[in-house]
Amino acid sequence: MKPRITLVTLGVDDLEAAVRFYRDGLGLATEGIVGREFEHGAAAFFDLQGGLKLGLWPRESIAFDSGLPRGPRSSTEFTLAHNVDSPQAVDAVLAQALQAGAQVLKPGHATAWGGYSGWFCDPDGHLWEVAWNPAWPQED
């Protein structure tokens, strides 16, 4: 297998509310909800950097399509990281997420590895780290 991940999909309880959070609150670009004409097909996709896409799909639909029973939420099973170019940018993104409806779990702080990071959960409980790592310069 080649290391080529093109889509990361998050299961959500309320697709329309999740789209509002990521589109209106965090400012991610999307064409909105597509696939409503198909049973278990409604989803939304957001363009990220380098051709990567973030998908939102109802948890019920993921369970149906995969053949697995719908399980309970767990914020500690999977995390996403958003790297930025300064400690100030970490604080700005955390403030934006809070305003959009996220729960800030840990405000920006100096880390043991020499960077600066903070954590938030989106309205569906997905855990995000916002980090500045001096060894990983960011290009916009």
Protein backbone atom coordinates (compact mmCIF):
# COMPACT_ATOMS: atom_id res chain seq x y z
CA MET A 1 0.00 0.00 0.00
CA LYS A 2 1.27 3.44 -0.85
CA PRO A 3 0.97 6.06 1.92
CA ARG A 4 -1.74 8.02 0.14
CA ILE A 5 -4.61 9.11 2.34
CA THR A 6 -7.03 11.32 0.41
CA LEU A 7 -10.06 11.49 2.71
CA VAL A 8 -10.60 11.54 6.47
CA THR A 9 -14.27 11.07 7.37
CA LEU A 10 -15.81 11.94 10.72
CA GLY A 11 -19.04 10.36 11.88
CA VAL A 12 -21.56 12.95 13.06
CA ASP A 13 -24.93 12.90 14.78
CA ASP A 14 -26.41 15.95 13.00
CA LEU A 15 -24.95 16.48 9.52
CA GLU A 16 -26.39 19.96 9.01
CA ALA A 17 -25.11 21.20 12.38
CA ALA A 18 -21.69 19.68 11.70
CA VAL A 19 -21.52 21.40 8.30
CA ARG A 20 -22.36 24.74 9.94
CA PHE A 21 -19.56 24.21 12.50
CA TYR A 22 -16.86 23.42 9.95
CA ARG A 23 -18.06 25.76 7.16
CA ASP A 24 -19.46 28.77 9.01
CA GLY A 25 -17.53 28.46 12.25
CA LEU A 26 -14.09 27.31 11.14
CA GLY A 27 -14.27 28.67 7.59
CA LEU A 28 -13.53 25.45 5.68
CA ALA A 29 -14.60 25.39 2.02
CA THR A 30 -17.38 22.99 0.98
CA GLU A 31 -20.06 22.61 -1.65
CA GLY A 32 -22.42 21.64 1.17
CA ILE A 33 -24.34 18.43 1.67
CA VAL A 34 -24.40 16.10 -1.33
CA GLY A 35 -25.94 12.68 -1.92
CA ARG A 36 -29.29 13.33 -0.24
CA GLU A 37 -31.02 11.42 -3.04
CA PHE A 38 -29.43 8.16 -1.88
CA GLU A 39 -30.37 6.25 1.24
CA HIS A 40 -27.45 6.69 3.66
CA GLY A 41 -25.73 8.86 1.02
CA ALA A 42 -25.92 12.37 2.47
CA ALA A 43 -22.42 13.65 3.28
CA ALA A 44 -20.32 16.80 3.10
CA PHE A 45 -16.74 17.23 1.96
CA PHE A 46 -14.27 20.01 2.75
CA ASP A 47 -11.14 20.83 0.78
CA LEU A 48 -7.98 20.75 2.88
CA GLN A 49 -4.34 21.28 2.00
CA GLY A 50 -2.53 19.13 -0.56
CA GLY A 51 -5.69 17.61 -2.03
CA LEU A 52 -6.78 16.02 1.26
CA LYS A 53 -10.49 16.17 2.01
CA LEU A 54 -12.39 16.07 5.27
CA GLY A 55 -15.70 14.24 5.08
CA LEU A 56 -18.69 14.39 7.40
CA TRP A 57 -21.08 11.47 7.30
CA PRO A 58 -23.84 10.51 9.74
CA ARG A 59 -22.80 7.79 12.17
CA GLU A 60 -25.91 5.81 11.22
CA SER A 61 -24.77 5.79 7.58
CA ILE A 62 -21.25 4.68 8.46
CA ALA A 63 -22.67 1.81 10.50
CA PHE A 64 -25.02 0.83 7.66
CA ASP A 65 -22.35 0.98 4.95
CA SER A 66 -19.67 -0.84 6.95
CA GLY A 67 -22.02 -3.49 8.32
CA LEU A 68 -20.92 -2.74 11.88
CA PRO A 69 -23.25 -1.82 14.72
CA ARG A 70 -23.18 1.81 15.71
CA GLY A 71 -20.93 2.13 18.73
CA PRO A 72 -20.69 4.76 21.43
CA ARG A 73 -18.71 7.96 20.90
CA SER A 74 -15.15 8.12 22.19
CA SER A 75 -13.12 11.30 21.84
CA THR A 76 -9.88 9.53 22.70
CA GLU A 77 -9.97 6.93 19.89
CA PHE A 78 -8.83 9.30 17.15
CA THR A 79 -7.41 12.81 16.96
CA LEU A 80 -6.84 15.36 14.25
CA ALA A 81 -4.07 17.95 14.35
CA HIS A 82 -4.00 21.39 12.78
CA ASN A 83 -0.49 22.82 12.67
CA VAL A 84 -0.01 26.57 12.49
CA ASP A 85 2.94 28.95 12.18
CA SER A 86 3.06 30.54 15.65
CA PRO A 87 1.86 30.25 19.25
CA GLN A 88 -0.40 33.25 18.60
CA ALA A 89 -2.02 31.35 15.72
CA VAL A 90 -2.75 28.44 18.10
CA ASP A 91 -4.62 30.80 20.40
CA ALA A 92 -6.48 32.40 17.47
CA VAL A 93 -7.68 29.04 16.11
CA LEU A 94 -8.78 27.91 19.58
CA ALA A 95 -10.76 31.17 19.96
CA GLN A 96 -12.34 30.65 16.53
CA ALA A 97 -13.29 27.07 17.41
CA LEU A 98 -14.80 28.20 20.73
CA GLN A 99 -16.85 30.88 18.98
CA ALA A 100 -18.04 28.26 16.45
CA GLY A 101 -19.35 26.00 19.22
CA ALA A 102 -16.37 23.82 20.13
CA GLN A 103 -15.39 23.00 23.68
CA VAL A 104 -11.83 24.10 24.40
CA LEU A 105 -10.42 21.32 26.57
CA LYS A 106 -6.93 22.67 27.07
CA PRO A 107 -5.93 26.24 26.22
CA GLY A 108 -2.71 26.99 24.38
CA HIS A 109 0.36 26.17 26.44
CA ALA A 110 4.09 25.51 26.08
CA THR A 111 4.78 21.81 25.49
CA ALA A 112 7.50 19.50 26.74
CA TRP A 113 8.67 18.99 23.12
CA GLY A 114 9.41 22.70 22.63
CA GLY A 115 6.25 23.77 20.87
CA TYR A 116 2.91 25.25 21.83
CA SER A 117 -0.49 23.56 21.58
CA GLY A 118 -4.08 23.42 22.76
CA TRP A 119 -7.01 21.05 22.35
CA PHE A 120 -10.70 21.32 21.45
CA CYS A 121 -13.62 18.98 20.76
CA ASP A 122 -16.02 19.71 17.92
CA PRO A 123 -19.77 19.46 18.68
CA ASP A 124 -19.69 15.72 17.85
CA GLY A 125 -16.85 15.04 20.28
CA HIS A 126 -14.01 14.78 17.73
CA LEU A 127 -10.73 15.77 19.31
CA TRP A 128 -8.51 18.35 17.60
CA GLU A 129 -5.04 19.50 18.60
CA VAL A 130 -3.95 22.92 17.37
CA ALA A 131 -0.17 23.08 17.48
CA TRP A 132 2.86 25.15 16.61
CA ASN A 133 5.95 23.00 16.19
CA PRO A 134 9.15 24.97 15.55
CA ALA A 135 10.60 21.97 13.69
CA TRP A 136 7.68 21.87 11.22
CA PRO A 137 7.42 25.24 9.46
CA GLN A 138 4.04 25.80 7.81
CA GLU A 139 3.60 27.04 4.27
CA ASP A 140 0.33 28.69 3.25
